[in-house]
PDB file of N, CA and C in Angstrom:
ATOM      1  N   GLY A   1      -0.318 -14.897  -0.306  1.00  0.00           N
ATOM      2  CA  GLY A   1      -1.025 -13.890   0.512  1.00  0.00           C
ATOM      3  C   GLY A   1      -1.248 -12.445  -0.211  1.00  0.00           C
ATOM      4  N   ASP A   2      -2.038 -11.658   0.791  1.00  0.00           N
ATOM      5  CA  ASP A   2      -2.350 -10.348   0.017  1.00  0.00           C
ATOM      6  C   ASP A   2      -1.423  -9.146   0.503  1.00  0.00           C
ATOM      7  N   SER A   3      -0.217  -9.474   1.124  1.00  0.00           N
ATOM      8  CA  SER A   3       0.542  -8.595   1.507  1.00  0.00           C
ATOM      9  C   SER A   3       1.120  -7.697   0.249  1.00  0.00           C
ATOM     10  N   GLY A   4       1.215  -6.344   0.424  1.00  0.00           N
ATOM     11  CA  GLY A   4       1.711  -5.452  -0.793  1.00  0.00           C
ATOM     12  C   GLY A   4       0.360  -5.128  -1.573  1.00  0.00           C
ATOM     13  N   GLY A   5      -0.627  -5.679  -1.358  1.00  0.00           N
ATOM     14  CA  GLY A   5      -1.805  -5.324  -2.324  1.00  0.00           C
ATOM     15  C   GLY A   5      -2.337  -4.013  -1.974  1.00  0.00           C
ATOM     16  N   PRO A   6      -3.086  -3.260  -2.940  1.00  0.00           N
ATOM     17  CA  PRO A   6      -3.515  -1.889  -2.735  1.00  0.00           C
ATOM     18  C   PRO A   6      -4.657  -1.806  -1.974  1.00  0.00           C
ATOM     19  N   LEU A   7      -4.890  -0.721  -1.250  1.00  0.00           N
ATOM     20  CA  LEU A   7      -6.003  -0.282  -0.477  1.00  0.00           C
ATOM     21  C   LEU A   7      -6.228   1.041  -1.356  1.00  0.00           C
ATOM     22  N   VAL A   8      -7.550   1.140  -2.012  1.00  0.00           N
ATOM     23  CA  VAL A   8      -7.905   2.184  -2.947  1.00  0.00           C
ATOM     24  C   VAL A   8      -9.114   2.838  -2.680  1.00  0.00           C
ATOM     25  N   ALA A   9      -9.294   4.160  -2.622  1.00  0.00           N
ATOM     26  CA  ALA A   9     -10.493   4.928  -2.277  1.00  0.00           C
ATOM     27  C   ALA A   9     -10.437   5.841  -3.403  1.00  0.00           C
ATOM     28  N   ASP A  10     -11.674   6.230  -3.938  1.00  0.00           N
ATOM     29  CA  ASP A  10     -11.922   7.069  -5.058  1.00  0.00           C
ATOM     30  C   ASP A  10     -10.942   7.067  -6.083  1.00  0.00           C
ATOM     31  N   GLY A  11     -10.484   6.104  -6.489  1.00  0.00           N
ATOM     32  CA  GLY A  11      -9.377   5.843  -7.427  1.00  0.00           C
ATOM     33  C   GLY A  11      -8.105   6.200  -7.176  1.00  0.00           C
ATOM     34  N   TYR A  12      -7.691   6.218  -6.122  1.00  0.00           N
ATOM     35  CA  TYR A  12      -6.259   6.658  -5.526  1.00  0.00           C
ATOM     36  C   TYR A  12      -6.043   5.582  -4.393  1.00  0.00           C
ATOM     37  N   GLN A  13      -4.717   5.120  -4.824  1.00  0.00           N
ATOM     38  CA  GLN A  13      -4.243   4.284  -3.839  1.00  0.00           C
ATOM     39  C   GLN A  13      -3.819   4.876  -2.398  1.00  0.00           C
ATOM     40  N   ILE A  14      -4.237   4.568  -1.435  1.00  0.00           N
ATOM     41  CA  ILE A  14      -3.961   5.247  -0.322  1.00  0.00           C
ATOM     42  C   ILE A  14      -3.111   4.425   0.811  1.00  0.00           C
ATOM     43  N   GLY A  15      -3.154   3.139   0.452  1.00  0.00           N
ATOM     44  CA  GLY A  15      -2.403   2.121   1.374  1.00  0.00           C
ATOM     45  C   GLY A  15      -2.144   0.847   0.615  1.00  0.00           C
ATOM     46  N   LEU A  16      -1.255   0.126   1.563  1.00  0.00           N
ATOM     47  CA  LEU A  16      -0.682  -1.274   1.035  1.00  0.00           C
ATOM     48  C   LEU A  16      -1.068  -2.159   2.259  1.00  0.00           C
ATOM     49  N   VAL A  17      -1.662  -3.416   1.759  1.00  0.00           N
ATOM     50  CA  VAL A  17      -1.585  -4.402   2.847  1.00  0.00           C
ATOM     51  C   VAL A  17      -0.194  -4.776   3.608  1.00  0.00           C
ATOM     52  N   SER A  18      -0.388  -4.526   4.756  1.00  0.00           N
ATOM     53  CA  SER A  18       1.051  -4.806   5.610  1.00  0.00           C
ATOM     54  C   SER A  18       0.976  -6.334   5.979  1.00  0.00           C
ATOM     55  N   TYR A  19      -0.093  -6.611   6.672  1.00  0.00           N
ATOM     56  CA  TYR A  19      -0.586  -7.975   7.058  1.00  0.00           C
ATOM     57  C   TYR A  19      -1.975  -8.069   7.394  1.00  0.00           C
ATOM     58  N   GLY A  20      -2.547  -9.543   7.607  1.00  0.00           N
ATOM     59  CA  GLY A  20      -3.827  -9.668   7.854  1.00  0.00           C
ATOM     60  C   GLY A  20      -3.922 -11.202   8.185  1.00  0.00           C
ATOM     61  N   LEU A  21      -4.898 -11.639   8.944  1.00  0.00           N
ATOM     62  CA  LEU A  21      -5.119 -12.961   9.263  1.00  0.00           C
ATOM     63  C   LEU A  21      -5.755 -13.520   8.023  1.00  0.00           C
ATOM     64  N   PRO A  22      -5.742 -15.120   8.049  1.00  0.00           N
ATOM     65  CA  PRO A  22      -6.630 -15.541   6.923  1.00  0.00           C
ATOM     66  C   PRO A  22      -8.004 -15.012   7.080  1.00  0.00           C
ATOM     67  N   CYS A  23      -8.858 -15.120   5.772  1.00  0.00           N
ATOM     68  CA  CYS A  23     -10.009 -14.554   5.411  1.00  0.00           C
ATOM     69  C   CYS A  23     -11.028 -15.019   6.577  1.00  0.00           C
ATOM     70  N   ALA A  24     -11.969 -14.106   6.747  1.00  0.00           N
ATOM     71  CA  ALA A  24     -13.255 -14.679   7.661  1.00  0.00           C
ATOM     72  C   ALA A  24     -12.834 -15.188   8.866  1.00  0.00           C
ATOM     73  N   LYS A  25     -11.877 -14.592   9.560  1.00  0.00           N
ATOM     74  CA  LYS A  25     -11.515 -14.716  10.995  1.00  0.00           C
ATOM     75  C   LYS A  25     -12.033 -13.554  11.862  1.00  0.00           C
ATOM     76  N   GLY A  26     -12.467 -12.672  11.265  1.00  0.00           N
ATOM     77  CA  GLY A  26     -13.000 -11.484  12.139  1.00  0.00           C
ATOM     78  C   GLY A  26     -12.136 -10.328  12.536  1.00  0.00           C
ATOM     79  N   SER A  27     -10.877 -10.549  12.178  1.00  0.00           N
ATOM     80  CA  SER A  27      -9.917  -9.565  12.542  1.00  0.00           C
ATOM     81  C   SER A  27      -9.524  -8.622  11.301  1.00  0.00           C
ATOM     82  N   PRO A  28      -9.296  -7.506  11.576  1.00  0.00           N
ATOM     83  CA  PRO A  28      -9.121  -6.427  10.663  1.00  0.00           C
ATOM     84  C   PRO A  28      -7.717  -6.845  10.061  1.00  0.00           C
ATOM     85  N   ASP A  29      -7.469  -6.336   8.731  1.00  0.00           N
ATOM     86  CA  ASP A  29      -5.963  -6.281   8.051  1.00  0.00           C
ATOM     87  C   ASP A  29      -5.480  -4.945   8.521  1.00  0.00           C
ATOM     88  N   VAL A  30      -4.117  -4.966   8.462  1.00  0.00           N
ATOM     89  CA  VAL A  30      -3.346  -4.047   8.668  1.00  0.00           C
ATOM     90  C   VAL A  30      -2.733  -3.344   7.553  1.00  0.00           C
ATOM     91  N   PHE A  31      -2.843  -2.098   7.263  1.00  0.00           N
ATOM     92  CA  PHE A  31      -2.360  -1.209   6.081  1.00  0.00           C
ATOM     93  C   PHE A  31      -1.240  -0.033   6.325  1.00  0.00           C
ATOM     94  N   THR A  32      -0.410   0.058   5.364  1.00  0.00           N
ATOM     95  CA  THR A  32       0.427   1.252   5.581  1.00  0.00           C
ATOM     96  C   THR A  32       0.066   2.270   4.816  1.00  0.00           C
ATOM     97  N   LYS A  33       0.158   3.559   5.161  1.00  0.00           N
ATOM     98  CA  LYS A  33      -0.304   4.670   4.569  1.00  0.00           C
ATOM     99  C   LYS A  33       0.746   5.155   3.464  1.00  0.00           C
ATOM    100  N   VAL A  34       0.424   5.113   2.251  1.00  0.00           N
ATOM    101  CA  VAL A  34       1.401   5.365   1.167  1.00  0.00           C
ATOM    102  C   VAL A  34       1.800   6.885   1.365  1.00  0.00           C
ATOM    103  N   TYR A  35       1.000   7.702   1.839  1.00  0.00           N
ATOM    104  CA  TYR A  35       1.465   9.239   1.803  1.00  0.00           C
ATOM    105  C   TYR A  35       2.591   9.281   2.721  1.00  0.00           C
ATOM    106  N   SER A  36       2.840   8.574   3.636  1.00  0.00           N
ATOM    107  CA  SER A  36       3.854   8.561   4.704  1.00  0.00           C
ATOM    108  C   SER A  36       5.158   8.473   3.753  1.00  0.00           C
ATOM    109  N   PHE A  37       5.146   7.793   2.778  1.00  0.00           N
ATOM    110  CA  PHE A  37       6.153   7.398   2.012  1.00  0.00           C
ATOM    111  C   PHE A  37       6.349   8.218   0.631  1.00  0.00           C
ATOM    112  N   ILE A  38       5.506   9.225   0.371  1.00  0.00           N
ATOM    113  CA  ILE A  38       5.441   9.803  -0.939  1.00  0.00           C
ATOM    114  C   ILE A  38       6.752  10.432  -1.318  1.00  0.00           C
ATOM    115  N   ASP A  39       7.754  11.020  -0.591  1.00  0.00           N
ATOM    116  CA  ASP A  39       8.805  11.444  -1.000  1.00  0.00           C
ATOM    117  C   ASP A  39       9.837  10.415  -1.459  1.00  0.00           C
ATOM    118  N   TRP A  40       9.948   9.186  -0.334  1.00  0.00           N
ATOM    119  CA  TRP A  40      10.774   8.070  -1.089  1.00  0.00           C
ATOM    120  C   TRP A  40      10.236   7.678  -2.341  1.00  0.00           C
ATOM    121  N   ILE A  41       8.864   7.341  -2.552  1.00  0.00           N
ATOM    122  CA  ILE A  41       8.208   6.945  -3.803  1.00  0.00           C
ATOM    123  C   ILE A  41       8.610   7.717  -4.888  1.00  0.00           C
ATOM    124  N   ASN A  42       8.434   9.119  -5.139  1.00  0.00           N
ATOM    125  CA  ASN A  42       8.907   9.953  -6.025  1.00  0.00           C
ATOM    126  C   ASN A  42      10.328  10.093  -6.303  1.00  0.00           C
ATOM    127  N   ALA A  43      11.173  10.050  -5.319  1.00  0.00           N
ATOM    128  CA  ALA A  43      12.636  10.056  -5.606  1.00  0.00           C
ATOM    129  C   ALA A  43      13.034   8.536  -6.074  1.00  0.00           C
ATOM    130  N   THR A  44      12.445   7.462  -5.703  1.00  0.00           N
ATOM    131  CA  THR A  44      12.657   6.077  -6.508  1.00  0.00           C
ATOM    132  C   THR A  44      12.258   6.137  -8.096  1.00  0.00           C
ATOM    133  N   ILE A  45      10.965   6.770  -8.039  1.00  0.00           N
ATOM    134  CA  ILE A  45      10.457   6.756  -9.511  1.00  0.00           C
ATOM    135  C   ILE A  45      11.523   7.667 -10.483  1.00  0.00           C
ATOM    136  N   ALA A  46      12.058   8.778  -9.828  1.00  0.00           N
ATOM    137  CA  ALA A  46      12.825   9.689 -10.544  1.00  0.00           C
ATOM    138  C   ALA A  46      14.141   9.211 -10.824  1.00  0.00           C
ATOM    139  N   GLU A  47      14.690   8.532  -9.798  1.00  0.00           N
ATOM    140  CA  GLU A  47      16.140   7.830  -9.834  1.00  0.00           C
ATOM    141  C   GLU A  47      15.938   6.644 -11.056  1.00  0.00           C
ATOM    142  N   ASN A  48      14.937   5.981 -11.159  1.00  0.00           N
ATOM    143  CA  ASN A  48      14.723   4.872 -12.025  1.00  0.00           C
ATOM    144  C   ASN A  48      14.221   5.074 -13.389  1.00  0.00           C
ATOM    145  N   LYS A  49      13.999   6.579 -13.601  1.00  0.00           N
ATOM    146  CA  LYS A  49      13.237   6.857 -14.808  1.00  0.00           C
ATOM    147  C   LYS A  49      12.001   6.234 -15.149  1.00  0.00           C
ATOM    148  N   ILE A  50      11.311   6.011 -13.975  1.00  0.00           N
ATOM    149  CA  ILE A  50      10.034   5.281 -14.319  1.00  0.00           C
ATOM    150  C   ILE A  50       8.696   6.199 -14.822  1.00  0.00           C
ATOM    151  N   GLN A  51       8.229   5.952 -15.813  1.00  0.00           N
ATOM    152  CA  GLN A  51       7.031   6.916 -16.312  1.00  0.00           C
ATOM    153  C   GLN A  51       5.927   6.266 -16.214  1.00  0.00           C
TER     154      GLN A  51
END
């Protein structure tokens, strides 16, 4: 499925697919805001020395 896929606007990732129904069912997908987790993301990158 698409869970975990990026939601990108103007070249920036602003969300992740949380869940959605199969394509063409007329229901919106549900996303998680990346910014809500920015402190955790940055700490995890720093702890693991990811560049």
